[in-house]
Every structure is written in structure tokens, then in C-alpha cells.
Amino acid sequence: MLSPKYWRTDAVLRLFLSVVVCVFSGSILVNLWQYASSGPRPEPLLFYSLTACGLVCFGSALVLVNRPWRIESIMRRMAAALALFYLGMFAGAWAQKLAGPPQHSVAELVTAALSFQGAALVLITRLLHEHQTSWNEAFGFTLGWPWALLSGFVAGALFLPLGLELQHLSALFLLHFSQLGIRPEEQQAVQTLR
């Protein structure tokens, strides 16, 4: 059994806010990849300026969020971080408008995934270091792993038939709509993953 861990509230909140900032930074990187790989586009100076502004704002917000929180400066620091975050979002949204609709290439999907899962792994490692604990101690990787693996396999084996049946029913439902003149199409992201 795992011993109880007491995570400091400010550290968990910093982790959450940092992951959110990293996800938005990843969306700017996806826009950059899309813009650069789609050939000549109008207004490249404006696009790259907005992209740089968004990344600098998100990076600055990340630095402010990850500094130790002191009660006397928390409101001022969080207001500055929030202002930088919104400025980065504004610049990123404008850059996304210039980049055009997403194309969901494999590179874009990998960038988006790394900006969330990759950032979360790095930031969780930082949280664990801050609390002077290891991954094994925090999440119990060495305790009962054969039972956890077997439980996951059994749960997956039980859900698979149900999931396949739900997929079949969904296809029938969509076919019903296609007879009414509505043509359901497979999403671009699903096509790219396939």
C-alpha cells in the first residue's frame, strides 16, 4: 500500500498552470509548423512577429508561475502572469488566423502531443524533485505492478467487445443520417492518424 503523500497546494497549482501554458505554447508551435510548411504565405513578417510575441509571453508567464509563491507578492505576480498569458493567447490566435485552418499533419499532431504529455512529464518530475520524492514513491510503480497489469488487461478485454459494438451502432446511426441527405465525413485528424 502507498503511504499518503501531502502535496503542497501551491506546487500542484503551479504544475496545472504550467501545463496549461505549455499546451498553448504548443498550439503556437503547431501554427508555426503549418505556416512554414505550406509554401509562400502573405504577411510573413507579421506572422513571425506574432509567433515570437506569443512564445515570449507564454515563456514569461511560465517563469512567473513557477517562481516560489510568497503571500506578499502573489497577487501582483499572478496579475502579471495572467496579462502575459492573455497577450500570448491574443498573439497566438492572430497568428493562427494568418496560418489558416489546421491541416493535422503527423508532425503537427506530435508537436501538440508533446506540448501536453511531454510538458506534463517534465513538470511532474520537477514537482517530485521539489517534494523530495521519486516516481516509485509517489505513484507506487514497484507495488503490485503484476496485479495492476493484469487488471488493466482484463478491463481492456472486457471493454473491447462493448467498444466495438458502440462503434458499430455509431456507424449505423451515421448511415441513417446519410439517407436523410446529411453526409457525415471522417475527420481530418482521424485520417491523418490512420
N, C-alpha and C. Protein backbone atom coordinates (compact mmCIF):
# COMPACT_ATOMS: atom_id res chain seq x y z
N MET A 1 0.84 -1.17 0.00
CA MET A 1 0.00 0.00 0.00
C MET A 1 0.89 1.24 0.00
N LEU A 2 0.43 2.24 -0.72
CA LEU A 2 1.16 3.51 -0.80
C LEU A 2 0.99 4.31 0.47
N SER A 3 2.07 4.91 0.92
CA SER A 3 1.95 5.80 2.07
C SER A 3 1.36 7.13 1.58
N PRO A 4 0.60 7.80 2.41
CA PRO A 4 -0.03 9.05 1.95
C PRO A 4 1.03 10.12 1.67
N LYS A 5 0.81 10.86 0.60
CA LYS A 5 1.69 11.95 0.23
C LYS A 5 0.92 13.25 0.38
N TYR A 6 1.56 14.22 0.93
CA TYR A 6 0.94 15.52 1.11
C TYR A 6 1.59 16.50 0.15
N TRP A 7 0.89 16.80 -0.91
CA TRP A 7 1.40 17.71 -1.91
C TRP A 7 1.01 19.13 -1.53
N ARG A 8 1.96 20.04 -1.61
CA ARG A 8 1.65 21.43 -1.31
C ARG A 8 0.71 21.98 -2.37
N THR A 9 -0.29 22.70 -1.93
CA THR A 9 -1.31 23.22 -2.84
C THR A 9 -0.71 24.15 -3.88
N ASP A 10 0.21 25.01 -3.46
CA ASP A 10 0.80 25.94 -4.43
C ASP A 10 1.61 25.19 -5.49
N ALA A 11 2.27 24.10 -5.12
CA ALA A 11 3.06 23.33 -6.09
C ALA A 11 2.16 22.64 -7.11
N VAL A 12 1.04 22.10 -6.66
CA VAL A 12 0.10 21.45 -7.58
C VAL A 12 -0.54 22.48 -8.50
N LEU A 13 -0.89 23.63 -7.97
CA LEU A 13 -1.47 24.70 -8.78
C LEU A 13 -0.46 25.21 -9.81
N ARG A 14 0.80 25.36 -9.40
CA ARG A 14 1.84 25.76 -10.35
C ARG A 14 2.00 24.72 -11.45
N LEU A 15 1.92 23.44 -11.09
CA LEU A 15 2.01 22.38 -12.08
C LEU A 15 0.88 22.50 -13.09
N PHE A 16 -0.34 22.66 -12.62
CA PHE A 16 -1.50 22.76 -13.50
C PHE A 16 -1.39 23.97 -14.43
N LEU A 17 -1.07 25.13 -13.86
CA LEU A 17 -0.96 26.35 -14.68
C LEU A 17 0.17 26.23 -15.69
N SER A 18 1.27 25.60 -15.30
CA SER A 18 2.40 25.42 -16.22
C SER A 18 2.02 24.52 -17.39
N VAL A 19 1.28 23.46 -17.13
CA VAL A 19 0.85 22.58 -18.22
C VAL A 19 -0.08 23.32 -19.17
N VAL A 20 -0.99 24.13 -18.63
CA VAL A 20 -1.89 24.91 -19.49
C VAL A 20 -1.09 25.85 -20.38
N VAL A 21 -0.11 26.54 -19.82
CA VAL A 21 0.72 27.45 -20.61
C VAL A 21 1.49 26.67 -21.69
N CYS A 22 1.99 25.49 -21.35
CA CYS A 22 2.73 24.68 -22.33
C CYS A 22 1.83 24.20 -23.46
N VAL A 23 0.59 23.88 -23.16
CA VAL A 23 -0.35 23.46 -24.21
C VAL A 23 -0.59 24.61 -25.19
N PHE A 24 -0.78 25.81 -24.69
CA PHE A 24 -0.99 26.95 -25.58
C PHE A 24 0.28 27.28 -26.36
N SER A 25 1.44 27.10 -25.74
CA SER A 25 2.70 27.28 -26.46
C SER A 25 2.82 26.26 -27.59
N GLY A 26 2.39 25.05 -27.32
CA GLY A 26 2.40 24.02 -28.36
C GLY A 26 1.51 24.37 -29.53
N SER A 27 0.36 25.01 -29.26
CA SER A 27 -0.52 25.39 -30.36
C SER A 27 0.14 26.45 -31.24
N ILE A 28 0.94 27.33 -30.63
CA ILE A 28 1.67 28.32 -31.43
C ILE A 28 2.73 27.62 -32.28
N LEU A 29 3.40 26.62 -31.71
CA LEU A 29 4.40 25.87 -32.48
C LEU A 29 3.76 25.10 -33.63
N VAL A 30 2.55 24.58 -33.40
CA VAL A 30 1.82 23.90 -34.49
C VAL A 30 1.50 24.90 -35.60
N ASN A 31 1.07 26.11 -35.23
CA ASN A 31 0.81 27.14 -36.25
C ASN A 31 2.08 27.46 -37.03
N LEU A 32 3.20 27.56 -36.32
CA LEU A 32 4.47 27.85 -36.96
C LEU A 32 4.84 26.75 -37.95
N TRP A 33 4.68 25.51 -37.55
CA TRP A 33 4.97 24.37 -38.43
C TRP A 33 4.08 24.42 -39.66
N GLN A 34 2.81 24.68 -39.46
CA GLN A 34 1.85 24.71 -40.57
C GLN A 34 2.17 25.85 -41.52
N TYR A 35 2.46 27.01 -40.98
CA TYR A 35 2.75 28.18 -41.82
C TYR A 35 4.02 27.97 -42.62
N ALA A 36 5.06 27.43 -41.98
CA ALA A 36 6.34 27.24 -42.65
C ALA A 36 6.29 26.14 -43.70
N SER A 37 5.46 25.14 -43.51
CA SER A 37 5.45 24.00 -44.44
C SER A 37 4.44 24.15 -45.56
N SER A 38 3.66 25.23 -45.59
CA SER A 38 2.62 25.35 -46.61
C SER A 38 3.02 26.27 -47.76
N GLY A 39 4.30 26.55 -47.92
CA GLY A 39 4.73 27.37 -49.03
C GLY A 39 4.62 28.85 -48.72
N PRO A 40 4.82 29.69 -49.73
CA PRO A 40 4.78 31.13 -49.51
C PRO A 40 3.39 31.58 -49.06
N ARG A 41 3.38 32.40 -48.05
CA ARG A 41 2.12 32.92 -47.48
C ARG A 41 2.20 34.43 -47.39
N PRO A 42 1.06 35.10 -47.34
CA PRO A 42 1.09 36.55 -47.18
C PRO A 42 1.49 36.95 -45.76
N GLU A 43 2.07 38.10 -45.64
CA GLU A 43 2.42 38.73 -44.37
C GLU A 43 3.31 37.86 -43.47
N PRO A 44 4.45 37.39 -43.98
CA PRO A 44 5.31 36.55 -43.13
C PRO A 44 5.91 37.32 -41.95
N LEU A 45 6.24 38.60 -42.14
CA LEU A 45 6.82 39.37 -41.04
C LEU A 45 5.83 39.49 -39.88
N LEU A 46 4.57 39.77 -40.19
CA LEU A 46 3.56 39.87 -39.15
C LEU A 46 3.35 38.53 -38.45
N PHE A 47 3.29 37.45 -39.24
CA PHE A 47 3.08 36.12 -38.65
C PHE A 47 4.22 35.76 -37.70
N TYR A 48 5.46 35.90 -38.15
CA TYR A 48 6.59 35.51 -37.31
C TYR A 48 6.73 36.43 -36.10
N SER A 49 6.37 37.70 -36.25
CA SER A 49 6.39 38.62 -35.11
C SER A 49 5.36 38.21 -34.07
N LEU A 50 4.15 37.87 -34.53
CA LEU A 50 3.11 37.43 -33.60
C LEU A 50 3.48 36.12 -32.92
N THR A 51 4.08 35.20 -33.68
CA THR A 51 4.51 33.93 -33.12
C THR A 51 5.58 34.14 -32.05
N ALA A 52 6.56 34.98 -32.35
CA ALA A 52 7.61 35.26 -31.37
C ALA A 52 7.03 35.95 -30.14
N CYS A 53 6.13 36.90 -30.35
CA CYS A 53 5.50 37.59 -29.22
C CYS A 53 4.73 36.60 -28.34
N GLY A 54 3.96 35.71 -28.97
CA GLY A 54 3.19 34.72 -28.21
C GLY A 54 4.08 33.80 -27.41
N LEU A 55 5.17 33.31 -28.03
CA LEU A 55 6.07 32.41 -27.31
C LEU A 55 6.80 33.11 -26.18
N VAL A 56 7.21 34.36 -26.39
CA VAL A 56 7.87 35.12 -25.32
C VAL A 56 6.91 35.37 -24.17
N CYS A 57 5.67 35.72 -24.50
CA CYS A 57 4.67 35.97 -23.44
C CYS A 57 4.39 34.70 -22.65
N PHE A 58 4.21 33.58 -23.34
CA PHE A 58 3.95 32.32 -22.64
C PHE A 58 5.17 31.90 -21.81
N GLY A 59 6.38 32.08 -22.37
CA GLY A 59 7.58 31.75 -21.61
C GLY A 59 7.71 32.61 -20.36
N SER A 60 7.41 33.89 -20.49
CA SER A 60 7.48 34.79 -19.32
C SER A 60 6.43 34.42 -18.29
N ALA A 61 5.22 34.09 -18.75
CA ALA A 61 4.17 33.66 -17.82
C ALA A 61 4.58 32.38 -17.10
N LEU A 62 5.23 31.47 -17.82
CA LEU A 62 5.70 30.22 -17.22
C LEU A 62 6.73 30.49 -16.14
N VAL A 63 7.64 31.42 -16.39
CA VAL A 63 8.65 31.78 -15.39
C VAL A 63 7.99 32.38 -14.16
N LEU A 64 7.03 33.28 -14.36
CA LEU A 64 6.35 33.91 -13.22
C LEU A 64 5.56 32.90 -12.40
N VAL A 65 4.89 31.97 -13.07
CA VAL A 65 4.08 30.97 -12.37
C VAL A 65 4.96 30.03 -11.56
N ASN A 66 6.15 29.72 -12.06
CA ASN A 66 6.99 28.72 -11.41
C ASN A 66 7.91 29.26 -10.33
N ARG A 67 7.94 30.54 -10.13
CA ARG A 67 8.71 31.07 -9.00
C ARG A 67 7.98 30.73 -7.71
N PRO A 68 8.73 30.57 -6.62
CA PRO A 68 8.06 30.28 -5.33
C PRO A 68 7.06 31.40 -4.98
N TRP A 69 5.94 31.00 -4.46
CA TRP A 69 4.87 31.94 -4.16
C TRP A 69 5.02 32.47 -2.74
N ARG A 70 5.06 33.76 -2.62
CA ARG A 70 5.07 34.42 -1.32
C ARG A 70 3.77 35.20 -1.19
N ILE A 71 3.21 35.19 -0.05
CA ILE A 71 1.90 35.80 0.17
C ILE A 71 1.89 37.29 -0.16
N GLU A 72 3.01 37.98 0.09
CA GLU A 72 3.03 39.44 -0.12
C GLU A 72 3.10 39.82 -1.60
N SER A 73 3.55 38.91 -2.47
CA SER A 73 3.69 39.26 -3.89
C SER A 73 2.84 38.41 -4.82
N ILE A 74 2.02 37.55 -4.29
CA ILE A 74 1.30 36.60 -5.15
C ILE A 74 0.29 37.30 -6.07
N MET A 75 -0.43 38.28 -5.58
CA MET A 75 -1.44 38.94 -6.41
C MET A 75 -0.79 39.70 -7.56
N ARG A 76 0.28 40.41 -7.28
CA ARG A 76 0.97 41.18 -8.32
C ARG A 76 1.56 40.23 -9.37
N ARG A 77 2.18 39.14 -8.90
CA ARG A 77 2.79 38.19 -9.82
C ARG A 77 1.75 37.46 -10.66
N MET A 78 0.65 37.05 -10.05
CA MET A 78 -0.39 36.34 -10.80
C MET A 78 -1.08 37.27 -11.80
N ALA A 79 -1.25 38.55 -11.45
CA ALA A 79 -1.83 39.51 -12.40
C ALA A 79 -0.90 39.68 -13.60
N ALA A 80 0.40 39.76 -13.35
CA ALA A 80 1.35 39.89 -14.45
C ALA A 80 1.36 38.62 -15.31
N ALA A 81 1.32 37.46 -14.66
CA ALA A 81 1.30 36.19 -15.40
C ALA A 81 0.03 36.08 -16.24
N LEU A 82 -1.09 36.49 -15.67
CA LEU A 82 -2.36 36.43 -16.40
C LEU A 82 -2.35 37.40 -17.59
N ALA A 83 -1.81 38.60 -17.40
CA ALA A 83 -1.72 39.56 -18.50
C ALA A 83 -0.83 39.02 -19.62
N LEU A 84 0.29 38.43 -19.26
CA LEU A 84 1.18 37.84 -20.27
C LEU A 84 0.51 36.67 -20.98
N PHE A 85 -0.22 35.86 -20.21
CA PHE A 85 -0.90 34.70 -20.79
C PHE A 85 -1.94 35.17 -21.82
N TYR A 86 -2.74 36.16 -21.47
CA TYR A 86 -3.76 36.65 -22.40
C TYR A 86 -3.14 37.33 -23.61
N LEU A 87 -2.06 38.05 -23.42
CA LEU A 87 -1.37 38.66 -24.55
C LEU A 87 -0.82 37.58 -25.48
N GLY A 88 -0.28 36.51 -24.88
CA GLY A 88 0.20 35.38 -25.69
C GLY A 88 -0.93 34.69 -26.43
N MET A 89 -2.08 34.55 -25.77
CA MET A 89 -3.24 33.94 -26.44
C MET A 89 -3.72 34.81 -27.61
N PHE A 90 -3.75 36.11 -27.38
CA PHE A 90 -4.17 37.03 -28.45
C PHE A 90 -3.23 36.94 -29.64
N ALA A 91 -1.92 36.99 -29.38
CA ALA A 91 -0.93 36.90 -30.46
C ALA A 91 -1.03 35.55 -31.17
N GLY A 92 -1.21 34.48 -30.39
CA GLY A 92 -1.33 33.15 -30.98
C GLY A 92 -2.58 33.00 -31.83
N ALA A 93 -3.69 33.57 -31.38
CA ALA A 93 -4.94 33.50 -32.15
C ALA A 93 -4.81 34.26 -33.46
N TRP A 94 -4.17 35.41 -33.41
CA TRP A 94 -3.97 36.20 -34.62
C TRP A 94 -3.04 35.44 -35.59
N ALA A 95 -1.99 34.85 -35.05
CA ALA A 95 -1.08 34.06 -35.88
C ALA A 95 -1.80 32.85 -36.47
N GLN A 96 -2.68 32.23 -35.70
CA GLN A 96 -3.43 31.08 -36.21
C GLN A 96 -4.34 31.49 -37.35
N LYS A 97 -4.93 32.68 -37.25
CA LYS A 97 -5.78 33.17 -38.34
C LYS A 97 -4.96 33.36 -39.60
N LEU A 98 -3.73 33.86 -39.47
CA LEU A 98 -2.87 34.04 -40.63
C LEU A 98 -2.40 32.70 -41.20
N ALA A 99 -2.22 31.70 -40.34
CA ALA A 99 -1.73 30.38 -40.78
C ALA A 99 -2.80 29.59 -41.52
N GLY A 100 -4.06 29.91 -41.29
CA GLY A 100 -5.14 29.20 -41.96
C GLY A 100 -5.64 28.03 -41.12
N PRO A 101 -6.60 27.29 -41.68
CA PRO A 101 -7.16 26.16 -40.92
C PRO A 101 -6.13 25.07 -40.69
N PRO A 102 -6.23 24.36 -39.57
CA PRO A 102 -5.24 23.30 -39.28
C PRO A 102 -5.31 22.19 -40.31
N GLN A 103 -4.14 21.60 -40.58
CA GLN A 103 -4.07 20.54 -41.58
C GLN A 103 -3.87 19.17 -40.97
N HIS A 104 -3.57 19.11 -39.70
CA HIS A 104 -3.46 17.86 -38.95
C HIS A 104 -2.44 16.90 -39.55
N SER A 105 -1.25 17.40 -39.84
CA SER A 105 -0.19 16.51 -40.28
C SER A 105 0.34 15.74 -39.08
N VAL A 106 1.11 14.72 -39.36
CA VAL A 106 1.68 13.91 -38.28
C VAL A 106 2.60 14.75 -37.40
N ALA A 107 3.41 15.61 -38.03
CA ALA A 107 4.31 16.46 -37.26
C ALA A 107 3.54 17.40 -36.35
N GLU A 108 2.42 17.93 -36.83
CA GLU A 108 1.61 18.82 -36.00
C GLU A 108 1.00 18.06 -34.84
N LEU A 109 0.54 16.84 -35.09
CA LEU A 109 -0.04 16.03 -34.01
C LEU A 109 1.01 15.67 -32.97
N VAL A 110 2.22 15.36 -33.41
CA VAL A 110 3.30 15.03 -32.47
C VAL A 110 3.67 16.26 -31.64
N THR A 111 3.75 17.41 -32.29
CA THR A 111 4.06 18.65 -31.56
C THR A 111 2.99 18.95 -30.52
N ALA A 112 1.73 18.80 -30.90
CA ALA A 112 0.64 19.05 -29.96
C ALA A 112 0.68 18.07 -28.79
N ALA A 113 0.96 16.80 -29.09
CA ALA A 113 1.01 15.80 -28.02
C ALA A 113 2.19 16.07 -27.07
N LEU A 114 3.34 16.42 -27.63
CA LEU A 114 4.50 16.68 -26.78
C LEU A 114 4.32 17.93 -25.93
N SER A 115 3.57 18.91 -26.44
CA SER A 115 3.36 20.11 -25.65
C SER A 115 2.49 19.84 -24.43
N PHE A 116 1.72 18.76 -24.47
CA PHE A 116 0.91 18.40 -23.30
C PHE A 116 1.58 17.28 -22.50
N GLN A 117 1.69 16.10 -23.10
CA GLN A 117 2.24 14.98 -22.35
C GLN A 117 3.72 15.17 -22.01
N GLY A 118 4.51 15.69 -22.95
CA GLY A 118 5.92 15.91 -22.69
C GLY A 118 6.14 16.94 -21.59
N ALA A 119 5.38 18.03 -21.70
CA ALA A 119 5.49 19.07 -20.67
C ALA A 119 5.04 18.54 -19.32
N ALA A 120 3.97 17.75 -19.31
CA ALA A 120 3.47 17.20 -18.05
C ALA A 120 4.53 16.30 -17.40
N LEU A 121 5.19 15.46 -18.19
CA LEU A 121 6.24 14.59 -17.62
C LEU A 121 7.38 15.40 -17.03
N VAL A 122 7.82 16.41 -17.74
CA VAL A 122 8.91 17.25 -17.23
C VAL A 122 8.49 17.99 -15.97
N LEU A 123 7.29 18.55 -16.00
CA LEU A 123 6.83 19.35 -14.86
C LEU A 123 6.48 18.48 -13.65
N ILE A 124 5.99 17.27 -13.88
CA ILE A 124 5.75 16.36 -12.76
C ILE A 124 7.07 15.94 -12.13
N THR A 125 8.08 15.71 -12.96
CA THR A 125 9.41 15.39 -12.43
C THR A 125 9.91 16.53 -11.54
N ARG A 126 9.69 17.76 -11.98
CA ARG A 126 10.08 18.93 -11.17
C ARG A 126 9.30 18.97 -9.85
N LEU A 127 8.00 18.66 -9.91
CA LEU A 127 7.18 18.63 -8.70
C LEU A 127 7.69 17.58 -7.72
N LEU A 128 8.02 16.40 -8.24
CA LEU A 128 8.53 15.33 -7.38
C LEU A 128 9.87 15.72 -6.76
N HIS A 129 10.71 16.36 -7.55
CA HIS A 129 12.01 16.81 -7.01
C HIS A 129 11.80 17.85 -5.92
N GLU A 130 10.84 18.73 -6.13
CA GLU A 130 10.55 19.77 -5.14
C GLU A 130 10.05 19.16 -3.83
N HIS A 131 9.34 18.03 -3.91
CA HIS A 131 8.83 17.35 -2.72
C HIS A 131 9.78 16.25 -2.23
N GLN A 132 10.95 16.16 -2.86
CA GLN A 132 11.99 15.21 -2.49
C GLN A 132 11.46 13.77 -2.43
N THR A 133 10.82 13.38 -3.54
CA THR A 133 10.31 12.02 -3.66
C THR A 133 10.59 11.52 -5.07
N SER A 134 10.49 10.22 -5.26
CA SER A 134 10.76 9.63 -6.57
C SER A 134 9.44 9.21 -7.22
N TRP A 135 9.54 8.83 -8.49
CA TRP A 135 8.34 8.36 -9.21
C TRP A 135 7.78 7.11 -8.53
N ASN A 136 8.67 6.20 -8.13
CA ASN A 136 8.22 4.97 -7.47
C ASN A 136 7.51 5.26 -6.15
N GLU A 137 8.06 6.17 -5.35
CA GLU A 137 7.44 6.50 -4.07
C GLU A 137 6.12 7.24 -4.27
N ALA A 138 6.07 8.11 -5.25
CA ALA A 138 4.88 8.93 -5.45
C ALA A 138 3.73 8.14 -6.05
N PHE A 139 4.02 7.25 -6.99
CA PHE A 139 2.95 6.58 -7.72
C PHE A 139 2.91 5.08 -7.50
N GLY A 140 3.81 4.54 -6.69
CA GLY A 140 3.76 3.13 -6.33
C GLY A 140 4.03 2.19 -7.48
N PHE A 141 4.97 2.54 -8.36
CA PHE A 141 5.25 1.69 -9.51
C PHE A 141 5.82 0.33 -9.11
N THR A 142 6.44 0.23 -7.94
CA THR A 142 7.03 -1.04 -7.54
C THR A 142 6.07 -1.88 -6.70
N LEU A 143 4.93 -1.33 -6.35
CA LEU A 143 3.97 -2.04 -5.50
C LEU A 143 2.87 -2.69 -6.34
N GLY A 144 2.83 -3.97 -6.37
CA GLY A 144 1.74 -4.70 -7.02
C GLY A 144 1.60 -4.47 -8.50
N TRP A 145 2.70 -4.24 -9.20
CA TRP A 145 2.60 -3.98 -10.63
C TRP A 145 2.06 -5.17 -11.42
N PRO A 146 2.34 -6.44 -11.04
CA PRO A 146 1.73 -7.54 -11.81
C PRO A 146 0.20 -7.52 -11.72
N TRP A 147 -0.32 -7.20 -10.52
CA TRP A 147 -1.77 -7.14 -10.35
C TRP A 147 -2.36 -5.98 -11.17
N ALA A 148 -1.68 -4.85 -11.18
CA ALA A 148 -2.15 -3.69 -11.95
C ALA A 148 -2.14 -3.99 -13.45
N LEU A 149 -1.10 -4.67 -13.91
CA LEU A 149 -1.01 -5.05 -15.32
C LEU A 149 -2.12 -6.02 -15.69
N LEU A 150 -2.36 -7.01 -14.85
CA LEU A 150 -3.42 -7.98 -15.10
C LEU A 150 -4.79 -7.31 -15.07
N SER A 151 -5.01 -6.41 -14.13
CA SER A 151 -6.29 -5.70 -14.04
C SER A 151 -6.54 -4.86 -15.30
N GLY A 152 -5.50 -4.19 -15.77
CA GLY A 152 -5.63 -3.39 -16.99
C GLY A 152 -5.94 -4.25 -18.20
N PHE A 153 -5.28 -5.41 -18.29
CA PHE A 153 -5.54 -6.32 -19.40
C PHE A 153 -6.98 -6.85 -19.37
N VAL A 154 -7.44 -7.24 -18.18
CA VAL A 154 -8.81 -7.76 -18.04
C VAL A 154 -9.83 -6.66 -18.36
N ALA A 155 -9.60 -5.45 -17.87
CA ALA A 155 -10.54 -4.35 -18.14
C ALA A 155 -10.57 -4.05 -19.63
N GLY A 156 -9.41 -4.06 -20.28
CA GLY A 156 -9.38 -3.82 -21.73
C GLY A 156 -10.10 -4.93 -22.49
N ALA A 157 -9.90 -6.18 -22.07
CA ALA A 157 -10.55 -7.31 -22.73
C ALA A 157 -12.07 -7.26 -22.55
N LEU A 158 -12.52 -6.77 -21.40
CA LEU A 158 -13.96 -6.65 -21.17
C LEU A 158 -14.56 -5.48 -21.95
N PHE A 159 -13.82 -4.40 -22.07
CA PHE A 159 -14.36 -3.23 -22.75
C PHE A 159 -14.31 -3.36 -24.26
N LEU A 160 -13.35 -4.10 -24.81
CA LEU A 160 -13.19 -4.18 -26.26
C LEU A 160 -14.47 -4.60 -26.99
N PRO A 161 -15.15 -5.67 -26.59
CA PRO A 161 -16.39 -6.02 -27.30
C PRO A 161 -17.45 -4.92 -27.19
N LEU A 162 -17.55 -4.32 -26.01
CA LEU A 162 -18.51 -3.23 -25.84
C LEU A 162 -18.15 -2.04 -26.71
N GLY A 163 -16.89 -1.69 -26.77
CA GLY A 163 -16.44 -0.59 -27.60
C GLY A 163 -16.68 -0.84 -29.07
N LEU A 164 -16.42 -2.08 -29.52
CA LEU A 164 -16.67 -2.41 -30.92
C LEU A 164 -18.16 -2.34 -31.25
N GLU A 165 -19.00 -2.77 -30.33
CA GLU A 165 -20.45 -2.69 -30.56
C GLU A 165 -20.92 -1.24 -30.60
N LEU A 166 -20.38 -0.40 -29.72
CA LEU A 166 -20.72 1.02 -29.75
C LEU A 166 -20.27 1.67 -31.06
N GLN A 167 -19.11 1.27 -31.56
CA GLN A 167 -18.64 1.79 -32.84
C GLN A 167 -19.58 1.37 -33.97
N HIS A 168 -20.04 0.12 -33.94
CA HIS A 168 -20.97 -0.38 -34.96
C HIS A 168 -22.29 0.40 -34.90
N LEU A 169 -22.81 0.62 -33.69
CA LEU A 169 -24.05 1.39 -33.55
C LEU A 169 -23.87 2.82 -34.03
N SER A 170 -22.74 3.40 -33.77
CA SER A 170 -22.46 4.76 -34.24
C SER A 170 -22.44 4.81 -35.76
N ALA A 171 -21.84 3.80 -36.39
CA ALA A 171 -21.81 3.75 -37.86
C ALA A 171 -23.23 3.63 -38.41
N LEU A 172 -24.06 2.78 -37.79
CA LEU A 172 -25.45 2.66 -38.24
C LEU A 172 -26.20 3.98 -38.09
N PHE A 173 -25.96 4.68 -36.99
CA PHE A 173 -26.59 5.97 -36.74
C PHE A 173 -26.18 6.98 -37.82
N LEU A 174 -24.90 7.00 -38.16
CA LEU A 174 -24.42 7.91 -39.19
C LEU A 174 -24.96 7.55 -40.57
N LEU A 175 -25.10 6.26 -40.84
CA LEU A 175 -25.69 5.84 -42.12
C LEU A 175 -27.14 6.29 -42.22
N HIS A 176 -27.86 6.28 -41.11
CA HIS A 176 -29.24 6.75 -41.10
C HIS A 176 -29.28 8.23 -41.52
N PHE A 177 -28.33 9.03 -41.02
CA PHE A 177 -28.30 10.44 -41.38
C PHE A 177 -27.91 10.63 -42.84
N SER A 178 -27.07 9.75 -43.38
CA SER A 178 -26.68 9.90 -44.78
C SER A 178 -27.86 9.65 -45.70
N GLN A 179 -28.83 8.85 -45.26
CA GLN A 179 -30.04 8.63 -46.06
C GLN A 179 -30.94 9.86 -46.03
N LEU A 180 -30.77 10.71 -45.05
CA LEU A 180 -31.56 11.94 -44.96
C LEU A 180 -30.90 13.09 -45.72
N GLY A 181 -29.80 12.82 -46.38
CA GLY A 181 -29.12 13.85 -47.15
C GLY A 181 -27.96 14.49 -46.44
N ILE A 182 -27.72 14.12 -45.20
CA ILE A 182 -26.58 14.64 -44.46
C ILE A 182 -25.42 13.67 -44.65
N ARG A 183 -24.30 14.16 -45.15
CA ARG A 183 -23.16 13.30 -45.43
C ARG A 183 -22.13 13.43 -44.32
N PRO A 184 -22.06 12.47 -43.42
CA PRO A 184 -21.00 12.53 -42.41
C PRO A 184 -19.66 12.21 -43.05
N GLU A 185 -18.64 12.96 -42.64
CA GLU A 185 -17.31 12.73 -43.17
C GLU A 185 -16.35 12.43 -42.03
N GLU A 186 -15.36 11.63 -42.34
CA GLU A 186 -14.34 11.32 -41.36
C GLU A 186 -13.49 12.56 -41.11
N GLN A 187 -13.17 12.82 -39.86
CA GLN A 187 -12.38 14.00 -39.53
C GLN A 187 -10.98 13.89 -40.08
N GLN A 188 -10.41 15.05 -40.42
CA GLN A 188 -9.06 15.10 -40.97
C GLN A 188 -8.05 14.51 -39.99
N ALA A 189 -8.23 14.76 -38.70
CA ALA A 189 -7.28 14.23 -37.71
C ALA A 189 -7.32 12.70 -37.70
N VAL A 190 -8.50 12.12 -37.84
CA VAL A 190 -8.63 10.66 -37.86
C VAL A 190 -7.96 10.10 -39.10
N GLN A 191 -8.14 10.78 -40.24
CA GLN A 191 -7.48 10.32 -41.47
C GLN A 191 -5.96 10.38 -41.33
N THR A 192 -5.46 11.44 -40.71
CA THR A 192 -4.01 11.57 -40.53
C THR A 192 -3.47 10.47 -39.63
N LEU A 193 -4.18 10.18 -38.52
CA LEU A 193 -3.72 9.11 -37.64
C LEU A 193 -3.75 7.76 -38.32
N ARG A 194 -4.75 7.54 -39.15
CA ARG A 194 -4.83 6.26 -39.86
C ARG A 194 -3.66 6.14 -40.82
